[in-house]
Amino acid sequence: MEPVFDFTEVILNKIVVHNIGKRPEDEGVKLSRTEMNITDNAVEAILKQYFLSNFKSDYFFGFSHENNLDMNEVFTYSTQIFEDPDLFLDQSIHIANFLYDNSNHPKIKPGELYVCKFSNMLVHGEYVDGIGIFKSETKDTFIRVYQKNDNYEVDYDNGINIKKLDKGCLIFNSEKESGYLVSIIDTTNKTDAAYWKDDFLQVMPRENEWYQTNQLLNLCKGFSDSILTEANNVDKQDQVAFLKRTEAFFNNNENYNNEVFKQDVIGNDIISEAFEEYKNNYEMERNLQPADQFEISKPALKSGKKYFRSIIKLDKNFHIYVHSNPDYIEKGLDNTKGLKFYKLYFHDEA
């Protein structure tokens, strides 16, 4: 499968940096009045690595607004840049001020805001222009070794780790009528970071193959944890077996079909009805379109491996980590000791 993104030939056309202070403390925005002029190829390469290397997922969003797409501020600023690159600096200032206005939570960190204009971005086989909006909030301490006379000395400095992008957004000049193709990254302030996606960017997930696969995996894990429980007379071993059959189904099929899934993975009519009811409620609560048939996204499956981690916890003494066939585990009851037990079958001892 070809990668979703290919930035091998990408060109960094424009870049400007602004500083976003803490709004609850009225620190304000410190704005650059001119664009950066990068003449060092090494610096440009480092910046492109920092900005782009973390964007690998086929999980796209699109700008949205409850009334009219043109009322989405970042969508409008981006459109102005795409249509007239000479407006880049002015629009970047609008973006910086708008981000500051939506940084109201006291835990939101200040930091540098980078706004970039790219060209030659290969997305889904098409070369397009792109706009990057990135915010660095975390500073790392680096050891610096330097030579002084005939000796080497050591000191330190604070800076940005180019392998750790805190917040990022790539806006591809494609599918404008649907709010552009947008990809986002947010690795900080997990509990308070909704402002980046919901308040600042105002984006909604694109219900493509990646999104549908990810939602179905999450649905199956929720069904396992909520319905396939001892409270509903389902043994932990059967719960694990369901997850492993689900994993095998997604690994071995190119497409998801709801009826085939229920037949191959569940089999039991009563549990199949419970799954269908859970699925309908899940989609309704999240305002999702019913996903009864779609192409399985292998990148989404790879990133969703966490859904299939199966652990059987036995009191406080033992944990059984099930990585493959749960049929090699047999559950029983020792009447003499009055204790339950698991019997494990294996070929070789590692």
Protein backbone atom coordinates (compact mmCIF):
# COMPACT_ATOMS: atom_id res chain seq x y z
CA MET A 1 0.00 0.00 0.00
CA GLU A 2 1.42 3.38 -0.99
CA PRO A 3 1.90 5.90 1.85
CA VAL A 4 -0.78 8.53 2.32
CA PHE A 5 1.83 11.27 2.54
CA ASP A 6 5.06 11.70 0.63
CA PHE A 7 6.98 14.84 1.51
CA THR A 8 10.22 13.84 -0.24
CA GLU A 9 10.01 16.73 -2.70
CA VAL A 10 8.24 19.26 -0.48
CA ILE A 11 9.37 22.89 -0.68
CA LEU A 12 9.12 25.30 2.26
CA ASN A 13 8.05 28.50 0.50
CA LYS A 14 7.24 30.77 3.42
CA ILE A 15 7.58 30.73 7.20
CA VAL A 16 6.87 33.19 10.00
CA VAL A 17 7.10 32.78 13.77
CA HIS A 18 4.91 34.47 16.39
CA ASN A 19 4.83 34.02 20.16
CA ILE A 20 1.58 33.13 21.90
CA GLY A 21 1.45 34.12 25.57
CA LYS A 22 -0.81 32.83 28.32
CA ARG A 23 -4.21 34.43 27.81
CA PRO A 24 -5.45 33.97 31.42
CA GLU A 25 -2.45 36.08 32.50
CA ASP A 26 -2.92 38.62 29.68
CA GLU A 27 0.55 37.98 28.26
CA GLY A 28 -0.63 38.82 24.75
CA VAL A 29 0.80 37.93 21.35
CA LYS A 30 4.26 38.97 20.17
CA LEU A 31 4.13 39.23 16.39
CA SER A 32 6.86 39.11 13.77
CA ARG A 33 6.59 41.90 11.25
CA THR A 34 8.38 40.09 8.44
CA GLU A 35 8.71 36.54 7.19
CA MET A 36 11.82 34.51 7.95
CA ASN A 37 14.41 34.36 5.18
CA ILE A 38 16.01 30.93 5.35
CA THR A 39 19.14 30.65 3.22
CA ASP A 40 20.78 27.68 4.96
CA ASN A 41 19.69 24.38 3.40
CA ALA A 42 20.55 22.50 6.60
CA VAL A 43 18.23 24.72 8.65
CA GLU A 44 15.44 24.23 6.12
CA ALA A 45 15.91 20.45 6.23
CA ILE A 46 15.76 20.43 10.04
CA LEU A 47 12.59 22.54 10.05
CA LYS A 48 10.89 20.26 7.53
CA GLN A 49 11.81 17.24 9.61
CA TYR A 50 10.43 18.89 12.75
CA PHE A 51 7.20 20.00 11.09
CA LEU A 52 6.39 17.04 8.85
CA SER A 53 7.96 13.80 10.09
CA ASN A 54 5.18 13.05 12.60
CA PHE A 55 2.36 13.23 10.03
CA LYS A 56 1.87 9.61 8.95
CA SER A 57 -1.75 8.74 9.56
CA ASP A 58 -4.60 8.43 7.06
CA TYR A 59 -6.87 10.07 9.64
CA PHE A 60 -8.18 13.23 7.99
CA PHE A 61 -10.34 16.03 9.28
CA GLY A 62 -12.14 18.87 7.52
CA PHE A 63 -12.95 22.41 8.65
CA SER A 64 -16.56 22.80 9.74
CA HIS A 65 -19.03 25.31 11.11
CA GLU A 66 -22.58 24.83 12.35
CA ASN A 67 -23.90 27.67 10.19
CA ASN A 68 -21.62 28.24 7.21
CA LEU A 69 -18.15 26.94 6.35
CA ASP A 70 -17.02 30.45 5.41
CA MET A 71 -17.55 31.42 9.08
CA ASN A 72 -14.75 29.09 10.15
CA GLU A 73 -11.88 31.49 10.79
CA VAL A 74 -8.89 29.22 10.02
CA PHE A 75 -10.62 27.94 6.88
CA THR A 76 -11.06 31.54 5.72
CA TYR A 77 -7.47 32.57 6.55
CA SER A 78 -6.12 29.49 4.75
CA THR A 79 -8.23 30.17 1.68
CA GLN A 80 -6.83 33.72 1.51
CA ILE A 81 -3.26 32.33 1.57
CA PHE A 82 -3.97 29.70 -1.09
CA GLU A 83 -5.61 32.27 -3.36
CA ASP A 84 -3.03 35.04 -2.82
CA PRO A 85 0.32 34.04 -1.23
CA ASP A 86 1.21 37.73 -0.90
CA LEU A 87 -1.32 37.84 1.96
CA PHE A 88 0.61 35.19 3.88
CA LEU A 89 2.02 37.46 6.62
CA ASP A 90 -1.26 39.28 7.28
CA GLN A 91 -3.21 36.04 7.47
CA SER A 92 -0.60 34.47 9.78
CA ILE A 93 -1.19 37.38 12.17
CA HIS A 94 -4.93 36.68 12.08
CA ILE A 95 -4.19 33.01 12.84
CA ALA A 96 -1.95 33.94 15.79
CA ASN A 97 -4.51 36.31 17.29
CA PHE A 98 -7.32 33.81 16.82
CA LEU A 99 -5.31 31.07 18.54
CA TYR A 100 -4.59 33.39 21.46
CA ASP A 101 -8.28 34.29 21.75
CA ASN A 102 -9.08 30.57 22.06
CA SER A 103 -6.35 29.74 24.59
CA ASN A 104 -8.43 30.39 27.69
CA HIS A 105 -7.70 27.32 29.81
CA PRO A 106 -5.14 28.05 32.57
CA LYS A 107 -3.19 24.86 31.76
CA ILE A 108 -2.52 25.87 28.15
CA LYS A 109 1.18 26.59 27.81
CA PRO A 110 2.64 29.58 25.96
CA GLY A 111 4.94 28.95 23.04
CA GLU A 112 6.06 29.74 19.52
CA LEU A 113 3.59 29.55 16.67
CA TYR A 114 4.98 28.70 13.22
CA VAL A 115 2.89 29.33 10.13
CA CYS A 116 4.29 27.86 6.91
CA LYS A 117 3.42 27.69 3.24
CA PHE A 118 4.50 24.51 1.43
CA SER A 119 4.37 23.28 -2.15
CA ASN A 120 4.96 19.86 -3.76
CA MET A 121 3.13 17.94 -1.05
CA LEU A 122 2.12 14.53 -2.42
CA VAL A 123 -1.17 13.43 -0.87
CA HIS A 124 -3.15 10.49 -2.22
CA GLY A 125 -1.10 10.62 -5.42
CA GLU A 126 -1.71 14.32 -6.05
CA TYR A 127 0.78 17.18 -5.69
CA VAL A 128 -0.82 20.08 -3.80
CA ASP A 129 0.13 23.19 -1.87
CA GLY A 130 -0.19 23.09 1.88
CA ILE A 131 -0.31 25.34 4.92
CA GLY A 132 1.27 24.26 8.17
CA ILE A 133 0.33 25.64 11.59
CA PHE A 134 2.58 24.39 14.40
CA LYS A 135 2.98 25.30 18.05
CA SER A 136 5.96 24.41 20.23
CA GLU A 137 5.21 24.43 23.95
CA THR A 138 7.81 22.12 25.48
CA LYS A 139 11.46 23.04 25.93
CA ASP A 140 14.13 20.40 26.53
CA THR A 141 17.54 20.79 28.14
CA PHE A 142 20.49 19.91 25.91
CA ILE A 143 24.13 19.29 26.88
CA ARG A 144 26.56 21.26 24.75
CA VAL A 145 30.19 20.15 24.43
CA TYR A 146 32.69 22.63 23.04
CA GLN A 147 36.46 23.01 22.81
CA LYS A 148 38.24 25.68 24.81
CA ASN A 149 41.99 25.95 24.29
CA ASP A 150 43.30 22.38 24.68
CA ASN A 151 40.32 21.09 26.67
CA TYR A 152 36.67 20.23 26.12
CA GLU A 153 34.08 22.04 28.22
CA VAL A 154 30.43 21.23 28.89
CA ASP A 155 27.44 23.48 29.46
CA TYR A 156 23.75 23.35 28.62
CA ASP A 157 21.04 25.17 26.77
CA ASN A 158 17.27 25.01 26.44
CA GLY A 159 15.69 24.38 23.07
CA ILE A 160 13.16 22.46 21.03
CA ASN A 161 13.52 18.75 20.40
CA ILE A 162 12.93 18.36 16.66
CA LYS A 163 11.57 14.84 17.22
CA LYS A 164 8.75 16.11 19.45
CA LEU A 165 6.10 18.22 17.73
CA ASP A 166 3.63 19.42 20.37
CA LYS A 167 0.80 20.65 18.17
CA GLY A 168 0.51 20.65 14.41
CA CYS A 169 -1.94 21.06 11.60
CA LEU A 170 -1.45 20.50 7.88
CA ILE A 171 -4.04 21.97 5.54
CA PHE A 172 -3.88 20.55 2.04
CA ASN A 173 -5.28 22.55 -0.87
CA SER A 174 -7.60 19.73 -1.83
CA GLU A 175 -11.37 19.17 -1.44
CA LYS A 176 -12.02 22.78 -0.44
CA GLU A 177 -15.78 22.34 -0.75
CA SER A 178 -15.63 19.84 2.12
CA GLY A 179 -13.42 21.98 4.34
CA TYR A 180 -10.06 20.94 2.82
CA LEU A 181 -8.13 17.83 3.78
CA VAL A 182 -6.72 18.52 7.24
CA SER A 183 -4.37 16.43 9.35
CA ILE A 184 -3.65 17.30 12.97
CA ILE A 185 -1.26 16.33 15.77
CA ASP A 186 -1.65 17.09 19.46
CA THR A 187 0.67 15.37 21.93
CA THR A 188 0.36 17.63 24.98
CA ASN A 189 -2.26 18.56 27.56
CA LYS A 190 -4.44 15.57 26.74
CA THR A 191 -7.20 16.56 29.15
CA ASP A 192 -7.30 20.23 28.22
CA ALA A 193 -6.28 20.25 24.58
CA ALA A 194 -9.73 20.35 23.00
CA TYR A 195 -9.10 24.00 22.29
CA TRP A 196 -6.63 23.13 19.50
CA LYS A 197 -8.97 20.86 17.56
CA ASP A 198 -12.41 22.10 18.59
CA ASP A 199 -12.07 25.79 19.45
CA PHE A 200 -9.18 26.95 17.27
CA LEU A 201 -9.32 24.72 14.18
CA GLN A 202 -12.98 23.69 14.47
CA VAL A 203 -12.53 20.48 12.50
CA MET A 204 -14.58 17.32 12.22
CA PRO A 205 -13.28 13.85 11.32
CA ARG A 206 -13.62 12.73 7.72
CA GLU A 207 -15.50 9.44 7.74
CA ASN A 208 -13.04 7.69 5.44
CA GLU A 209 -11.64 4.16 5.65
CA TRP A 210 -9.19 5.07 8.40
CA TYR A 211 -11.90 6.66 10.52
CA GLN A 212 -14.44 3.86 9.93
CA THR A 213 -11.89 1.16 10.77
CA ASN A 214 -10.75 2.98 13.91
CA GLN A 215 -14.34 3.48 15.08
CA LEU A 216 -15.24 -0.17 14.50
CA LEU A 217 -12.18 -1.34 16.47
CA ASN A 218 -13.11 0.98 19.31
CA LEU A 219 -16.70 -0.28 19.11
CA CYS A 220 -15.59 -3.92 19.36
CA LYS A 221 -13.39 -3.16 22.38
CA GLY A 222 -16.28 -1.33 24.05
CA PHE A 223 -18.64 -4.22 23.31
CA SER A 224 -16.15 -6.64 24.82
CA ASP A 225 -15.64 -4.56 27.98
CA SER A 226 -19.30 -3.61 28.48
CA ILE A 227 -21.33 -6.59 27.24
CA LEU A 228 -19.07 -9.64 27.18
CA THR A 229 -18.60 -9.66 30.94
CA GLU A 230 -19.16 -12.08 33.79
CA ALA A 231 -22.19 -10.01 34.77
CA ASN A 232 -23.74 -11.24 31.50
CA ASN A 233 -22.53 -14.80 32.08
CA VAL A 234 -19.59 -14.47 29.68
CA ASP A 235 -16.25 -15.85 30.87
CA LYS A 236 -13.10 -13.73 30.55
CA GLN A 237 -11.71 -16.44 28.28
CA ASP A 238 -14.64 -16.00 25.88
CA GLN A 239 -14.13 -12.24 25.95
CA VAL A 240 -10.48 -12.72 24.98
CA ALA A 241 -11.50 -15.18 22.25
CA PHE A 242 -13.87 -12.58 20.77
CA LEU A 243 -11.08 -9.97 20.59
CA LYS A 244 -8.68 -12.44 18.98
CA ARG A 245 -11.26 -13.50 16.37
CA THR A 246 -11.93 -9.82 15.70
CA GLU A 247 -8.22 -9.18 15.20
CA ALA A 248 -7.95 -12.15 12.83
CA PHE A 249 -10.98 -10.95 10.86
CA PHE A 250 -9.49 -7.49 10.29
CA ASN A 251 -6.06 -8.91 9.48
CA ASN A 252 -7.38 -11.42 6.94
CA ASN A 253 -10.00 -9.35 5.11
CA GLU A 254 -9.79 -6.36 2.80
CA ASN A 255 -13.36 -5.22 3.52
CA TYR A 256 -15.65 -5.11 6.52
CA ASN A 257 -19.16 -6.49 6.11
CA ASN A 258 -21.33 -6.39 9.21
CA GLU A 259 -23.28 -9.58 8.48
CA VAL A 260 -20.14 -11.54 7.60
CA PHE A 261 -18.45 -10.23 10.75
CA LYS A 262 -21.31 -11.38 12.97
CA GLN A 263 -21.35 -14.77 11.29
CA ASP A 264 -17.58 -15.39 11.31
CA VAL A 265 -16.57 -13.72 14.57
CA ILE A 266 -19.61 -13.99 16.83
CA GLY A 267 -21.67 -16.90 15.50
CA ASN A 268 -24.11 -16.89 18.42
CA ASP A 269 -27.49 -15.37 17.49
CA ILE A 270 -28.14 -13.91 20.93
CA ILE A 271 -24.71 -12.25 21.15
CA SER A 272 -25.07 -11.08 17.53
CA GLU A 273 -28.32 -9.30 18.46
CA ALA A 274 -26.58 -7.72 21.45
CA PHE A 275 -23.72 -6.59 19.19
CA GLU A 276 -26.15 -5.03 16.70
CA GLU A 277 -27.94 -3.17 19.48
CA TYR A 278 -24.65 -1.94 20.94
CA LYS A 279 -23.44 -0.87 17.48
CA ASN A 280 -26.64 1.10 16.77
CA ASN A 281 -26.44 2.89 20.13
CA TYR A 282 -22.71 3.60 19.64
CA GLU A 283 -23.29 5.21 16.23
CA MET A 284 -26.33 7.16 17.42
CA GLU A 285 -24.57 8.58 20.51
CA ARG A 286 -21.65 9.78 18.37
CA ASN A 287 -23.77 10.96 15.46
CA LEU A 288 -21.99 8.53 13.09
CA GLN A 289 -23.27 7.25 9.78
CA PRO A 290 -24.04 3.50 10.04
CA ALA A 291 -20.88 1.64 8.95
CA ASP A 292 -22.07 -1.75 7.73
CA GLN A 293 -19.62 -2.12 4.86
CA PHE A 294 -16.31 -0.38 4.13
CA GLU A 295 -12.72 -0.98 3.07
CA ILE A 296 -10.47 -1.86 6.01
CA SER A 297 -7.61 0.59 6.52
CA LYS A 298 -4.43 -1.32 7.33
CA PRO A 299 -2.70 1.80 8.79
CA ALA A 300 -5.67 2.26 11.14
CA LEU A 301 -5.48 -1.43 12.04
CA LYS A 302 -1.77 -1.11 12.81
CA SER A 303 -2.29 1.89 15.08
CA GLY A 304 -5.25 0.13 16.72
CA LYS A 305 -3.29 -2.88 17.97
CA LYS A 306 -3.91 -1.63 21.51
CA TYR A 307 -7.55 -2.73 21.17
CA PHE A 308 -6.45 -6.36 21.00
CA ARG A 309 -4.21 -6.48 24.05
CA SER A 310 -5.83 -9.22 26.10
CA ILE A 311 -4.96 -9.76 29.74
CA ILE A 312 -6.65 -12.18 32.11
CA LYS A 313 -6.08 -10.91 35.65
CA LEU A 314 -6.20 -13.55 38.38
CA ASP A 315 -6.69 -12.07 41.85
CA LYS A 316 -3.46 -10.19 42.68
CA ASN A 317 -1.17 -13.13 41.99
CA PHE A 318 -1.00 -13.68 38.23
CA HIS A 319 -1.70 -12.04 34.88
CA ILE A 320 -2.08 -14.09 31.70
CA TYR A 321 -1.13 -12.16 28.55
CA VAL A 322 -2.88 -13.73 25.55
CA HIS A 323 -1.04 -12.93 22.32
CA SER A 324 -2.46 -15.57 19.98
CA ASN A 325 -4.87 -18.52 20.11
CA PRO A 326 -7.06 -18.45 23.27
CA ASP A 327 -8.08 -22.07 22.54
CA TYR A 328 -4.78 -23.07 24.14
CA ILE A 329 -6.22 -21.94 27.49
CA GLU A 330 -8.61 -24.17 29.43
CA LYS A 331 -10.56 -23.02 32.47
CA GLY A 332 -11.63 -25.30 35.29
CA LEU A 333 -12.57 -25.63 38.97
CA ASP A 334 -10.61 -27.60 41.55
CA ASN A 335 -13.31 -28.81 43.99
CA THR A 336 -10.70 -30.02 46.48
CA LYS A 337 -9.02 -26.62 46.84
CA GLY A 338 -12.15 -24.65 46.09
CA LEU A 339 -10.27 -22.58 43.53
CA LYS A 340 -10.64 -21.89 39.81
CA PHE A 341 -7.70 -22.62 37.53
CA TYR A 342 -6.42 -22.13 33.98
CA LYS A 343 -4.57 -24.86 32.11
CA LEU A 344 -2.17 -23.62 29.39
CA TYR A 345 -1.10 -25.70 26.37
CA PHE A 346 2.12 -24.97 24.47
CA HIS A 347 4.65 -26.54 22.12
CA ASP A 348 7.97 -25.22 23.41
CA GLU A 349 9.16 -23.33 26.46
CA ALA A 350 11.02 -20.13 25.56
